[in-house]
Amino acid sequence: MTKTKPRTLREIAWEITNDWKVVHYAAKPYLSVMHSLENIDDMYWNDHGKHVVRYFLSNAGNWRGETARRIKLELKEMLGS
């Protein structure tokens, strides 16, 4: 069995943007940063990618649907939680 390479945060951010038509104002800045990150270990100024993803998830509670569930799970798996 071959293991697929995890998607980049940038790729995930584009899928979120395409699915979540009206992004919650509190999640928007973190989603914006995710567009510029390759992986969870990247830095954005003084913020670690892990923190950006955690903050996004904590503010994305009202994003719902199958795509939202799948991507939130993918992000949580990246965090190791």
C-alpha atoms as a PDB file:
ATOM      1  CA  MET A   1       0.000   0.000   0.000  1.00  0.00           C
ATOM      2  CA  THR A   2       1.381   3.403  -0.950  1.00  0.00           C
ATOM      3  CA  LYS A   3       1.109   6.331   1.375  1.00  0.00           C
ATOM      4  CA  THR A   4      -0.069   9.574  -0.166  1.00  0.00           C
ATOM      5  CA  LYS A   5       1.715  12.797   0.610  1.00  0.00           C
ATOM      6  CA  PRO A   6      -0.285  15.072   2.906  1.00  0.00           C
ATOM      7  CA  ARG A   7      -1.767  18.128   1.261  1.00  0.00           C
ATOM      8  CA  THR A   8      -0.213  21.497   1.900  1.00  0.00           C
ATOM      9  CA  LEU A   9      -2.007  24.007   4.091  1.00  0.00           C
ATOM     10  CA  ARG A  10      -2.212  26.220   1.016  1.00  0.00           C
ATOM     11  CA  GLU A  11      -4.139  23.523  -0.876  1.00  0.00           C
ATOM     12  CA  ILE A  12      -6.450  22.981   2.071  1.00  0.00           C
ATOM     13  CA  ALA A  13      -7.031  26.727   2.437  1.00  0.00           C
ATOM     14  CA  TRP A  14      -8.112  26.973  -1.207  1.00  0.00           C
ATOM     15  CA  GLU A  15     -10.603  24.156  -0.743  1.00  0.00           C
ATOM     16  CA  ILE A  16     -11.983  25.881   2.372  1.00  0.00           C
ATOM     17  CA  THR A  17     -12.282  29.173   0.480  1.00  0.00           C
ATOM     18  CA  ASN A  18     -14.154  27.452  -2.354  1.00  0.00           C
ATOM     19  CA  ASP A  19     -16.556  25.678   0.015  1.00  0.00           C
ATOM     20  CA  TRP A  20     -17.175  28.220   2.803  1.00  0.00           C
ATOM     21  CA  LYS A  21     -18.848  31.058   0.946  1.00  0.00           C
ATOM     22  CA  VAL A  22     -19.138  33.497   3.902  1.00  0.00           C
ATOM     23  CA  VAL A  23     -16.149  32.844   6.156  1.00  0.00           C
ATOM     24  CA  HIS A  24     -16.717  33.852   9.775  1.00  0.00           C
ATOM     25  CA  TYR A  25     -14.898  37.103  10.533  1.00  0.00           C
ATOM     26  CA  ALA A  26     -12.892  35.505  13.377  1.00  0.00           C
ATOM     27  CA  ALA A  27     -11.667  32.632  11.162  1.00  0.00           C
ATOM     28  CA  LYS A  28     -10.863  34.807   8.144  1.00  0.00           C
ATOM     29  CA  PRO A  29      -7.394  36.061   9.226  1.00  0.00           C
ATOM     30  CA  TYR A  30      -6.224  32.521  10.028  1.00  0.00           C
ATOM     31  CA  LEU A  31      -7.549  31.185   6.737  1.00  0.00           C
ATOM     32  CA  SER A  32      -5.726  33.997   4.990  1.00  0.00           C
ATOM     33  CA  VAL A  33      -2.448  32.998   6.656  1.00  0.00           C
ATOM     34  CA  MET A  34      -3.028  29.345   5.768  1.00  0.00           C
ATOM     35  CA  HIS A  35      -2.997  30.402   2.100  1.00  0.00           C
ATOM     36  CA  SER A  36       0.689  31.261   2.500  1.00  0.00           C
ATOM     37  CA  LEU A  37       1.828  28.165   4.423  1.00  0.00           C
ATOM     38  CA  GLU A  38       3.096  24.899   3.004  1.00  0.00           C
ATOM     39  CA  ASN A  39       2.963  22.796   6.154  1.00  0.00           C
ATOM     40  CA  ILE A  40       2.089  22.888   9.803  1.00  0.00           C
ATOM     41  CA  ASP A  41       5.711  23.501  10.835  1.00  0.00           C
ATOM     42  CA  ASP A  42       6.071  26.713   8.815  1.00  0.00           C
ATOM     43  CA  MET A  43       6.237  30.075  10.543  1.00  0.00           C
ATOM     44  CA  TYR A  44       4.219  33.177   9.725  1.00  0.00           C
ATOM     45  CA  TRP A  45       5.988  36.065  11.419  1.00  0.00           C
ATOM     46  CA  ASN A  46       6.011  34.929  15.060  1.00  0.00           C
ATOM     47  CA  ASP A  47       3.154  32.450  14.705  1.00  0.00           C
ATOM     48  CA  HIS A  48       3.808  28.765  14.252  1.00  0.00           C
ATOM     49  CA  GLY A  49       1.676  27.008  11.638  1.00  0.00           C
ATOM     50  CA  LYS A  50       0.256  24.742  14.332  1.00  0.00           C
ATOM     51  CA  HIS A  51      -1.077  27.782  16.193  1.00  0.00           C
ATOM     52  CA  VAL A  52      -2.604  29.213  13.027  1.00  0.00           C
ATOM     53  CA  VAL A  53      -4.445  25.944  12.362  1.00  0.00           C
ATOM     54  CA  ARG A  54      -5.617  25.667  15.982  1.00  0.00           C
ATOM     55  CA  TYR A  55      -6.917  29.256  15.935  1.00  0.00           C
ATOM     56  CA  PHE A  56      -8.645  28.622  12.614  1.00  0.00           C
ATOM     57  CA  LEU A  57     -10.352  25.491  13.953  1.00  0.00           C
ATOM     58  CA  SER A  58     -11.456  27.244  17.128  1.00  0.00           C
ATOM     59  CA  ASN A  59     -13.128  29.952  15.020  1.00  0.00           C
ATOM     60  CA  ALA A  60     -14.599  27.699  12.328  1.00  0.00           C
ATOM     61  CA  GLY A  61     -17.364  26.177  14.433  1.00  0.00           C
ATOM     62  CA  ASN A  62     -20.137  27.494  12.204  1.00  0.00           C
ATOM     63  CA  TRP A  63     -18.603  26.040   9.018  1.00  0.00           C
ATOM     64  CA  ARG A  64     -20.669  22.915   8.467  1.00  0.00           C
ATOM     65  CA  GLY A  65     -21.218  20.166   5.942  1.00  0.00           C
ATOM     66  CA  GLU A  66     -19.380  17.132   4.624  1.00  0.00           C
ATOM     67  CA  THR A  67     -16.423  19.137   3.278  1.00  0.00           C
ATOM     68  CA  ALA A  68     -16.092  20.984   6.588  1.00  0.00           C
ATOM     69  CA  ARG A  69     -16.102  17.734   8.584  1.00  0.00           C
ATOM     70  CA  ARG A  70     -13.529  16.117   6.294  1.00  0.00           C
ATOM     71  CA  ILE A  71     -11.163  19.094   6.287  1.00  0.00           C
ATOM     72  CA  LYS A  72     -11.461  19.738  10.025  1.00  0.00           C
ATOM     73  CA  LEU A  73     -10.553  16.086  10.609  1.00  0.00           C
ATOM     74  CA  GLU A  74      -7.604  16.404   8.199  1.00  0.00           C
ATOM     75  CA  LEU A  75      -6.343  19.501  10.050  1.00  0.00           C
ATOM     76  CA  LYS A  76      -6.777  17.830  13.446  1.00  0.00           C
ATOM     77  CA  GLU A  77      -4.790  14.832  12.205  1.00  0.00           C
ATOM     78  CA  MET A  78      -2.017  17.204  11.115  1.00  0.00           C
ATOM     79  CA  LEU A  79      -1.989  18.603  14.653  1.00  0.00           C
ATOM     80  CA  GLY A  80      -1.790  15.101  16.050  1.00  0.00           C
ATOM     81  CA  SER A  81      -5.013  15.444  18.007  1.00  0.00           C
END
